[in-house]
């Protein structure tokens, strides 16, 4: 495990130990340790700062885009999936304070917990270092995700898209074959979408839902080679 100082260096921030610990304290840990403060208030603050900084950036970066397109871009890079990507790249999960049950169920790799923690870190940065550093944090890690291929179509519910298409084209019955592997604290799932008796897209992720979403997305790409993403 990397040290707190190493993580702060990767994050490009400098906050005191008490605030750092608070930003990483999940409610499951608090419940098992006498109800100590959790990172939820910092998360609330960070969520608001994140939305503002991204909106400000997009407004200046894309002066010709209408409101609807700006909103789609903002939704993609402030999403749970986007923030979890950043957290995994930075190995944030290693520092989380989780209750025993959450730790045993791979909580340190759950997208929702990682995303909430990133918002808490942003909130902590704002409180300790001010708005300029909070904005710099967002510009350093969040806005570059606009070009990240891992977020192409991030706001699309691919399971719904592919289900509707299979039904409309009468391609046959569909179902997901999902298998998990690895220890409970680091479980990985692989999903394969089958239509009729034929296997199509395959996806993987730390949860069944994410693996199925990726499998549905890859199936759509197989059915629509060379086409643009659906406008949803």
Protein backbone atom coordinates (compact mmCIF):
# COMPACT_ATOMS: atom_id res chain seq x y z
CA UNK A 1 0.00 0.00 0.00
CA UNK A 2 1.30 3.44 -0.87
CA UNK A 3 1.58 6.00 1.90
CA UNK A 4 -0.74 8.94 2.46
CA UNK A 5 2.05 11.26 1.30
CA UNK A 6 2.55 9.30 -1.92
CA UNK A 7 -1.16 9.43 -2.68
CA UNK A 8 -1.37 13.16 -2.03
CA UNK A 9 1.59 13.63 -4.38
CA UNK A 10 -0.26 11.71 -7.10
CA UNK A 11 -3.38 13.76 -6.40
CA UNK A 12 -1.39 17.00 -6.43
CA UNK A 13 -2.93 18.19 -3.15
CA UNK A 14 -1.70 18.95 0.34
CA UNK A 15 -4.21 18.50 3.14
CA UNK A 16 -3.75 17.75 6.82
CA UNK A 17 -3.91 14.20 8.16
CA UNK A 18 -7.22 14.69 9.98
CA UNK A 19 -9.04 15.98 6.89
CA UNK A 20 -7.40 13.32 4.73
CA UNK A 21 -8.65 10.59 7.05
CA UNK A 22 -12.13 12.09 7.08
CA UNK A 23 -12.27 12.11 3.26
CA UNK A 24 -11.60 8.35 3.25
CA UNK A 25 -13.94 7.34 6.09
CA UNK A 26 -16.90 5.38 4.73
CA UNK A 27 -20.11 5.15 6.74
CA UNK A 28 -19.63 1.38 7.21
CA UNK A 29 -16.39 2.08 9.09
CA UNK A 30 -18.08 4.78 11.15
CA UNK A 31 -20.85 2.38 12.16
CA UNK A 32 -18.29 -0.07 13.56
CA UNK A 33 -16.26 2.63 15.33
CA UNK A 34 -18.75 4.46 17.49
CA UNK A 35 -20.32 6.68 14.86
CA UNK A 36 -17.25 8.79 14.06
CA UNK A 37 -17.72 11.42 11.30
CA UNK A 38 -17.87 10.08 7.73
CA UNK A 39 -16.90 11.56 4.38
CA UNK A 40 -20.53 12.16 3.36
CA UNK A 41 -20.55 15.90 4.12
CA UNK A 42 -17.30 16.36 2.18
CA UNK A 43 -18.83 14.33 -0.64
CA UNK A 44 -21.85 16.66 -0.72
CA UNK A 45 -19.57 19.68 -0.95
CA UNK A 46 -17.29 18.10 -3.54
CA UNK A 47 -20.22 17.11 -5.74
CA UNK A 48 -21.35 20.74 -6.00
CA UNK A 49 -17.84 22.01 -6.70
CA UNK A 50 -17.28 19.33 -9.32
CA UNK A 51 -20.48 20.19 -11.19
CA UNK A 52 -19.65 23.90 -11.18
CA UNK A 53 -16.03 23.50 -12.29
CA UNK A 54 -16.94 21.13 -15.12
CA UNK A 55 -19.79 23.38 -16.30
CA UNK A 56 -17.47 26.40 -16.21
CA UNK A 57 -14.83 24.53 -18.23
CA UNK A 58 -17.28 23.25 -20.84
CA UNK A 59 -18.89 26.68 -21.26
CA UNK A 60 -15.51 28.22 -22.07
CA UNK A 61 -14.13 25.26 -24.07
CA UNK A 62 -17.10 24.78 -26.41
CA UNK A 63 -18.63 28.23 -27.13
CA UNK A 64 -20.67 26.92 -30.07
CA UNK A 65 -22.33 23.98 -28.33
CA UNK A 66 -25.99 24.25 -27.29
CA UNK A 67 -27.07 23.58 -23.73
CA UNK A 68 -28.15 20.01 -24.43
CA UNK A 69 -24.75 18.95 -25.77
CA UNK A 70 -22.96 20.66 -22.89
CA UNK A 71 -25.19 18.80 -20.44
CA UNK A 72 -24.38 15.44 -22.06
CA UNK A 73 -20.65 16.07 -21.81
CA UNK A 74 -20.94 17.16 -18.20
CA UNK A 75 -23.01 14.08 -17.32
CA UNK A 76 -20.38 11.79 -18.84
CA UNK A 77 -17.42 13.13 -16.88
CA UNK A 78 -19.10 13.67 -13.51
CA UNK A 79 -20.66 10.21 -13.62
CA UNK A 80 -19.95 7.45 -11.12
CA UNK A 81 -18.14 5.52 -13.83
CA UNK A 82 -15.88 8.45 -14.71
CA UNK A 83 -14.92 9.22 -11.13
CA UNK A 84 -14.30 5.54 -10.40
CA UNK A 85 -11.92 5.38 -13.37
CA UNK A 86 -9.90 8.23 -11.88
CA UNK A 87 -9.93 6.63 -8.44
CA UNK A 88 -8.69 3.28 -9.76
CA UNK A 89 -5.96 4.93 -11.82
CA UNK A 90 -4.76 6.71 -8.66
CA UNK A 91 -5.18 3.64 -6.40
CA UNK A 92 -7.51 5.54 -4.08
CA UNK A 93 -9.22 2.35 -2.93
CA UNK A 94 -6.13 1.22 -1.04
CA UNK A 95 -6.65 4.02 1.50
CA UNK A 96 -10.39 3.63 2.16
CA UNK A 97 -11.56 3.04 5.71
CA UNK A 98 -14.34 0.46 5.38
CA UNK A 99 -16.33 -1.69 7.76
CA UNK A 100 -15.55 -5.40 7.80
CA UNK A 101 -18.55 -6.39 5.71
CA UNK A 102 -17.92 -3.76 3.07
CA UNK A 103 -14.23 -4.64 2.92
CA UNK A 104 -15.01 -8.34 2.50
CA UNK A 105 -17.44 -7.59 -0.35
CA UNK A 106 -14.78 -5.75 -2.41
CA UNK A 107 -15.95 -2.31 -1.30
CA UNK A 108 -12.55 -0.81 -2.08
CA UNK A 109 -13.23 -1.44 -5.76
CA UNK A 110 -16.93 -0.56 -5.93
CA UNK A 111 -17.53 2.25 -8.38
CA UNK A 112 -20.07 4.01 -6.18
CA UNK A 113 -17.77 4.11 -3.14
CA UNK A 114 -14.76 5.20 -5.22
CA UNK A 115 -16.75 7.96 -6.93
CA UNK A 116 -18.09 9.25 -3.61
CA UNK A 117 -14.56 9.29 -2.22
CA UNK A 118 -13.26 11.32 -5.16
CA UNK A 119 -15.95 13.91 -4.46
CA UNK A 120 -14.99 13.91 -0.78
CA UNK A 121 -11.33 14.46 -1.70
CA UNK A 122 -12.36 17.40 -3.87
CA UNK A 123 -14.44 18.82 -1.02
CA UNK A 124 -11.49 18.44 1.34
CA UNK A 125 -9.18 20.16 -1.14
CA UNK A 126 -11.56 23.09 -1.35
CA UNK A 127 -11.82 23.43 2.42
CA UNK A 128 -8.07 23.28 3.05
CA UNK A 129 -6.58 24.85 -0.07
CA UNK A 130 -9.37 26.94 -1.56
CA UNK A 131 -11.26 27.16 -4.84
CA UNK A 132 -8.24 27.68 -7.07
CA UNK A 133 -6.73 24.35 -6.01
CA UNK A 134 -10.09 22.60 -6.21
CA UNK A 135 -10.53 23.86 -9.77
CA UNK A 136 -6.99 22.77 -10.64
CA UNK A 137 -7.83 19.30 -9.28
CA UNK A 138 -10.84 19.05 -11.59
CA UNK A 139 -8.88 20.28 -14.61
CA UNK A 140 -6.04 17.85 -13.84
CA UNK A 141 -8.11 14.69 -13.51
CA UNK A 142 -11.73 15.12 -14.59
CA UNK A 143 -11.91 17.20 -17.76
CA UNK A 144 -9.29 15.07 -19.61
CA UNK A 145 -11.85 12.24 -19.48
CA UNK A 146 -13.69 13.96 -22.33
CA UNK A 147 -11.13 12.26 -24.58
CA UNK A 148 -10.93 8.97 -22.68
CA UNK A 149 -12.13 6.00 -24.78
CA UNK A 150 -13.29 4.26 -21.60
CA UNK A 151 -16.09 6.82 -21.36
CA UNK A 152 -17.41 6.70 -24.91
CA UNK A 153 -21.16 6.52 -24.51
CA UNK A 154 -20.85 6.53 -20.73
CA UNK A 155 -24.28 8.05 -20.22
CA UNK A 156 -26.00 5.48 -22.42
CA UNK A 157 -27.87 2.60 -20.79
CA UNK A 158 -26.57 -0.05 -23.16
CA UNK A 159 -28.61 -2.86 -21.64
CA UNK A 160 -31.81 -1.00 -22.47
CA UNK A 161 -30.55 0.00 -25.94
CA UNK A 162 -29.66 -3.54 -26.94
CA UNK A 163 -32.80 -5.06 -25.40
CA UNK A 164 -35.00 -2.69 -27.40
CA UNK A 165 -33.08 -3.40 -30.60
CA UNK A 166 -33.18 -7.17 -30.22
CA UNK A 167 -36.93 -7.01 -29.58
CA UNK A 168 -37.64 -4.67 -32.51
CA UNK A 169 -35.58 -6.73 -34.95
CA UNK A 170 -36.85 -10.03 -33.56
CA UNK A 171 -33.32 -11.42 -33.28
CA UNK A 172 -34.32 -14.02 -30.71
CA UNK A 173 -34.18 -14.55 -26.98
CA UNK A 174 -31.30 -12.86 -25.17
CA UNK A 175 -29.64 -13.49 -21.84
CA UNK A 176 -26.40 -12.70 -20.03
CA UNK A 177 -24.03 -15.44 -18.93
CA UNK A 178 -22.12 -14.03 -15.95
CA UNK A 179 -19.23 -15.63 -14.09
CA UNK A 180 -17.26 -14.27 -11.15
CA UNK A 181 -13.70 -15.06 -10.18
CA UNK A 182 -11.16 -14.05 -7.57
CA UNK A 183 -11.41 -13.63 -3.80
CA UNK A 184 -14.41 -11.91 -2.24
CA UNK A 185 -12.44 -8.73 -1.56
CA UNK A 186 -11.32 -8.43 -5.19
CA UNK A 187 -14.07 -10.08 -7.22
CA UNK A 188 -14.10 -9.68 -11.01
CA UNK A 189 -17.08 -10.51 -13.20
CA UNK A 190 -17.18 -11.47 -16.87
CA UNK A 191 -20.48 -11.22 -18.75
CA UNK A 192 -21.30 -12.56 -22.20
CA UNK A 193 -24.44 -11.55 -24.06
CA UNK A 194 -26.06 -14.41 -25.94
CA UNK A 195 -28.77 -13.90 -28.56
CA UNK A 196 -30.44 -17.14 -29.49
CA UNK A 197 -27.61 -19.64 -29.42
CA UNK A 198 -24.96 -17.17 -30.60
CA UNK A 199 -22.50 -15.36 -28.35
CA UNK A 200 -21.96 -11.64 -29.01
CA UNK A 201 -20.26 -9.03 -26.82
CA UNK A 202 -18.26 -9.81 -23.71
CA UNK A 203 -17.55 -7.39 -20.86
CA UNK A 204 -15.82 -7.41 -17.50
CA UNK A 205 -15.93 -5.32 -14.34
CA UNK A 206 -15.97 -5.29 -10.54
CA UNK A 207 -19.76 -5.81 -10.51
CA UNK A 208 -22.23 -7.87 -12.53
CA UNK A 209 -24.00 -4.70 -13.65
CA UNK A 210 -20.87 -3.10 -15.08
CA UNK A 211 -19.83 -6.32 -16.82
CA UNK A 212 -23.29 -6.62 -18.41
CA UNK A 213 -23.28 -2.97 -19.52
CA UNK A 214 -19.95 -3.47 -21.28
CA UNK A 215 -21.16 -6.69 -22.90
CA UNK A 216 -24.28 -4.88 -24.18
CA UNK A 217 -22.17 -1.98 -25.50
CA UNK A 218 -19.83 -4.35 -27.37
CA UNK A 219 -22.82 -6.21 -28.79
CA UNK A 220 -24.21 -2.93 -30.15
CA UNK A 221 -20.84 -2.22 -31.79
CA UNK A 222 -20.85 -5.68 -33.38
CA UNK A 223 -24.35 -5.12 -34.77
CA UNK A 224 -23.47 -1.63 -36.03
CA UNK A 225 -19.89 -1.70 -37.33
CA UNK A 226 -18.64 1.77 -38.23
CA UNK A 227 -21.77 3.60 -37.04
CA UNK A 228 -21.96 6.49 -34.60
CA UNK A 229 -23.28 6.02 -31.10
CA UNK A 230 -27.04 6.30 -30.68
CA UNK A 231 -28.37 9.72 -29.67
CA UNK A 232 -29.89 9.04 -26.25
